[in-house]
Amino acid sequence: MFETKIKFQGKEKTIKFGSWVTGNIEKLVNKEGYGNIELLASLIFFGLIMGEKLRASFTANEKLPFDIFDCYDWIDEVGGITSDEVQRIQDLYVKHNEMNVPKDEKKKEQ
């Protein structure tokens, strides 16, 4: 799993990416009309849930210490989608996906 720390709501929080996050992102991407900003905010949201060990609370529909709107606010606070901090999170997620996707290794026939 891939993780990093960010300053979120005035505190250091952990964002962690794993199969659970990817599964939730895949569900959202398949919805009609889902945009890039929504995808990014959701990536941060689910990464925080996993990183802060809140999956059981989320699954049980319990109140979390943040919501998706806080993630939109965080994106704005750090300088928007082109900021270094947002790019660092995106790069980490891409790296996670590259490491966890099977490679197509066809055997060459001789």
C-alpha atoms as a PDB file:
ATOM      1  CA  MET A   1       0.000   0.000   0.000  1.00  0.00           C
ATOM      2  CA  PHE A   2       1.043   3.550  -0.670  1.00  0.00           C
ATOM      3  CA  GLU A   3       0.617   6.315   1.864  1.00  0.00           C
ATOM      4  CA  THR A   4       1.619   9.881   2.609  1.00  0.00           C
ATOM      5  CA  LYS A   5       0.844  12.617   5.122  1.00  0.00           C
ATOM      6  CA  ILE A   6      -1.039  15.831   4.394  1.00  0.00           C
ATOM      7  CA  LYS A   7      -2.124  18.802   6.483  1.00  0.00           C
ATOM      8  CA  PHE A   8      -5.920  18.514   6.541  1.00  0.00           C
ATOM      9  CA  GLN A   9      -8.242  20.541   8.759  1.00  0.00           C
ATOM     10  CA  GLY A  10      -5.214  21.883  10.612  1.00  0.00           C
ATOM     11  CA  LYS A  11      -3.854  18.445  11.513  1.00  0.00           C
ATOM     12  CA  GLU A  12      -1.500  15.925   9.978  1.00  0.00           C
ATOM     13  CA  LYS A  13      -3.557  13.147   8.389  1.00  0.00           C
ATOM     14  CA  THR A  14      -2.603  10.003   6.499  1.00  0.00           C
ATOM     15  CA  ILE A  15      -3.795   9.232   2.999  1.00  0.00           C
ATOM     16  CA  LYS A  16      -3.374   5.596   2.046  1.00  0.00           C
ATOM     17  CA  PHE A  17      -4.156   3.890  -1.245  1.00  0.00           C
ATOM     18  CA  GLY A  18      -5.008   0.224  -1.556  1.00  0.00           C
ATOM     19  CA  SER A  19      -7.516  -2.069  -3.238  1.00  0.00           C
ATOM     20  CA  TRP A  20     -10.390  -0.748  -1.108  1.00  0.00           C
ATOM     21  CA  VAL A  21      -9.815   2.807  -2.361  1.00  0.00           C
ATOM     22  CA  THR A  22      -9.458   1.645  -5.956  1.00  0.00           C
ATOM     23  CA  GLY A  23     -12.694  -0.344  -5.704  1.00  0.00           C
ATOM     24  CA  ASN A  24     -14.604   2.690  -4.482  1.00  0.00           C
ATOM     25  CA  ILE A  25     -13.102   4.903  -7.185  1.00  0.00           C
ATOM     26  CA  GLU A  26     -14.048   2.341  -9.861  1.00  0.00           C
ATOM     27  CA  LYS A  27     -17.677   2.449  -8.684  1.00  0.00           C
ATOM     28  CA  LEU A  28     -17.732   6.233  -9.013  1.00  0.00           C
ATOM     29  CA  VAL A  29     -16.017   6.378 -12.388  1.00  0.00           C
ATOM     30  CA  ASN A  30     -18.684   4.115 -13.859  1.00  0.00           C
ATOM     31  CA  LYS A  31     -21.454   6.585 -12.974  1.00  0.00           C
ATOM     32  CA  GLU A  32     -22.692   8.819 -15.755  1.00  0.00           C
ATOM     33  CA  GLY A  33     -21.704  12.456 -15.506  1.00  0.00           C
ATOM     34  CA  TYR A  34     -18.883  11.974 -13.016  1.00  0.00           C
ATOM     35  CA  GLY A  35     -16.284  14.739 -13.468  1.00  0.00           C
ATOM     36  CA  ASN A  36     -12.544  15.049 -12.890  1.00  0.00           C
ATOM     37  CA  ILE A  37     -12.843  17.294  -9.834  1.00  0.00           C
ATOM     38  CA  GLU A  38     -15.314  14.879  -8.251  1.00  0.00           C
ATOM     39  CA  LEU A  39     -12.896  12.056  -8.958  1.00  0.00           C
ATOM     40  CA  LEU A  40     -10.030  13.920  -7.317  1.00  0.00           C
ATOM     41  CA  ALA A  41     -12.065  14.880  -4.236  1.00  0.00           C
ATOM     42  CA  SER A  42     -13.260  11.273  -3.929  1.00  0.00           C
ATOM     43  CA  LEU A  43      -9.713   9.983  -4.244  1.00  0.00           C
ATOM     44  CA  ILE A  44      -8.690  12.168  -1.313  1.00  0.00           C
ATOM     45  CA  PHE A  45     -11.847  11.267   0.632  1.00  0.00           C
ATOM     46  CA  PHE A  46     -11.424   7.500   0.323  1.00  0.00           C
ATOM     47  CA  GLY A  47      -7.646   7.766   0.805  1.00  0.00           C
ATOM     48  CA  LEU A  48      -8.220   9.609   4.085  1.00  0.00           C
ATOM     49  CA  ILE A  49     -10.801   7.077   5.239  1.00  0.00           C
ATOM     50  CA  MET A  50      -8.318   4.266   4.647  1.00  0.00           C
ATOM     51  CA  GLY A  51      -5.300   6.171   5.974  1.00  0.00           C
ATOM     52  CA  GLU A  52      -7.071   7.254   9.152  1.00  0.00           C
ATOM     53  CA  LYS A  53      -8.449   3.727   9.738  1.00  0.00           C
ATOM     54  CA  LEU A  54     -12.087   4.774   9.369  1.00  0.00           C
ATOM     55  CA  ARG A  55     -13.310   2.090   6.957  1.00  0.00           C
ATOM     56  CA  ALA A  56     -15.467   0.339   9.569  1.00  0.00           C
ATOM     57  CA  SER A  57     -17.102   3.640  10.519  1.00  0.00           C
ATOM     58  CA  PHE A  58     -17.705   4.517   6.874  1.00  0.00           C
ATOM     59  CA  THR A  59     -19.184   1.090   6.120  1.00  0.00           C
ATOM     60  CA  ALA A  60     -21.474   1.376   9.161  1.00  0.00           C
ATOM     61  CA  ASN A  61     -22.625   4.825   7.958  1.00  0.00           C
ATOM     62  CA  GLU A  62     -21.278   6.436  11.127  1.00  0.00           C
ATOM     63  CA  LYS A  63     -20.357  10.108  11.185  1.00  0.00           C
ATOM     64  CA  LEU A  64     -16.789  10.726  10.074  1.00  0.00           C
ATOM     65  CA  PRO A  65     -14.628  13.660  11.214  1.00  0.00           C
ATOM     66  CA  PHE A  66     -14.713  14.993   7.601  1.00  0.00           C
ATOM     67  CA  ASP A  67     -16.824  14.719   4.484  1.00  0.00           C
ATOM     68  CA  ILE A  68     -16.347  14.975   0.723  1.00  0.00           C
ATOM     69  CA  PHE A  69     -16.912  18.737   0.858  1.00  0.00           C
ATOM     70  CA  ASP A  70     -13.923  19.084   3.192  1.00  0.00           C
ATOM     71  CA  CYS A  71     -11.873  17.381   0.489  1.00  0.00           C
ATOM     72  CA  TYR A  72     -13.019  19.919  -2.116  1.00  0.00           C
ATOM     73  CA  ASP A  73     -12.047  22.675   0.340  1.00  0.00           C
ATOM     74  CA  TRP A  74      -8.623  21.100   0.872  1.00  0.00           C
ATOM     75  CA  ILE A  75      -7.993  21.094  -2.881  1.00  0.00           C
ATOM     76  CA  ASP A  76      -8.776  24.829  -2.977  1.00  0.00           C
ATOM     77  CA  GLU A  77      -6.709  25.562   0.156  1.00  0.00           C
ATOM     78  CA  VAL A  78      -3.545  23.977  -1.262  1.00  0.00           C
ATOM     79  CA  GLY A  79      -3.801  25.874  -4.541  1.00  0.00           C
ATOM     80  CA  GLY A  80      -6.194  23.908  -6.733  1.00  0.00           C
ATOM     81  CA  ILE A  81      -5.846  20.877  -8.942  1.00  0.00           C
ATOM     82  CA  THR A  82      -2.525  22.009 -10.409  1.00  0.00           C
ATOM     83  CA  SER A  83      -0.838  22.551  -7.026  1.00  0.00           C
ATOM     84  CA  ASP A  84       2.239  20.530  -6.097  1.00  0.00           C
ATOM     85  CA  GLU A  85       0.400  18.980  -3.135  1.00  0.00           C
ATOM     86  CA  VAL A  86      -2.522  17.752  -5.244  1.00  0.00           C
ATOM     87  CA  GLN A  87      -0.134  16.500  -7.922  1.00  0.00           C
ATOM     88  CA  ARG A  88       1.806  14.581  -5.263  1.00  0.00           C
ATOM     89  CA  ILE A  89      -1.403  12.777  -4.208  1.00  0.00           C
ATOM     90  CA  GLN A  90      -2.317  12.007  -7.821  1.00  0.00           C
ATOM     91  CA  ASP A  91       1.173  10.683  -8.538  1.00  0.00           C
ATOM     92  CA  LEU A  92       1.026   8.418  -5.492  1.00  0.00           C
ATOM     93  CA  TYR A  93      -2.319   6.983  -6.629  1.00  0.00           C
ATOM     94  CA  VAL A  94      -0.985   6.397 -10.149  1.00  0.00           C
ATOM     95  CA  LYS A  95       2.083   4.686  -8.703  1.00  0.00           C
ATOM     96  CA  HIS A  96      -0.178   2.482  -6.563  1.00  0.00           C
ATOM     97  CA  ASN A  97      -2.177   1.483  -9.626  1.00  0.00           C
ATOM     98  CA  GLU A  98       0.904   0.794 -11.737  1.00  0.00           C
ATOM     99  CA  MET A  99       2.331  -1.488  -9.049  1.00  0.00           C
ATOM    100  CA  ASN A 100      -0.939  -3.365  -8.518  1.00  0.00           C
ATOM    101  CA  VAL A 101      -2.100  -3.947 -12.080  1.00  0.00           C
ATOM    102  CA  PRO A 102      -1.052  -7.225 -13.694  1.00  0.00           C
ATOM    103  CA  LYS A 103       1.243  -6.830 -16.676  1.00  0.00           C
ATOM    104  CA  ASP A 104       0.307  -8.396 -19.990  1.00  0.00           C
ATOM    105  CA  GLU A 105       3.230 -10.744 -20.427  1.00  0.00           C
ATOM    106  CA  LYS A 106       2.511 -12.747 -23.554  1.00  0.00           C
ATOM    107  CA  LYS A 107       5.037 -15.418 -24.290  1.00  0.00           C
ATOM    108  CA  LYS A 108       6.769 -14.959 -27.599  1.00  0.00           C
ATOM    109  CA  GLU A 109       6.487 -17.976 -29.825  1.00  0.00           C
ATOM    110  CA  GLN A 110       9.681 -18.993 -31.527  1.00  0.00           C
END
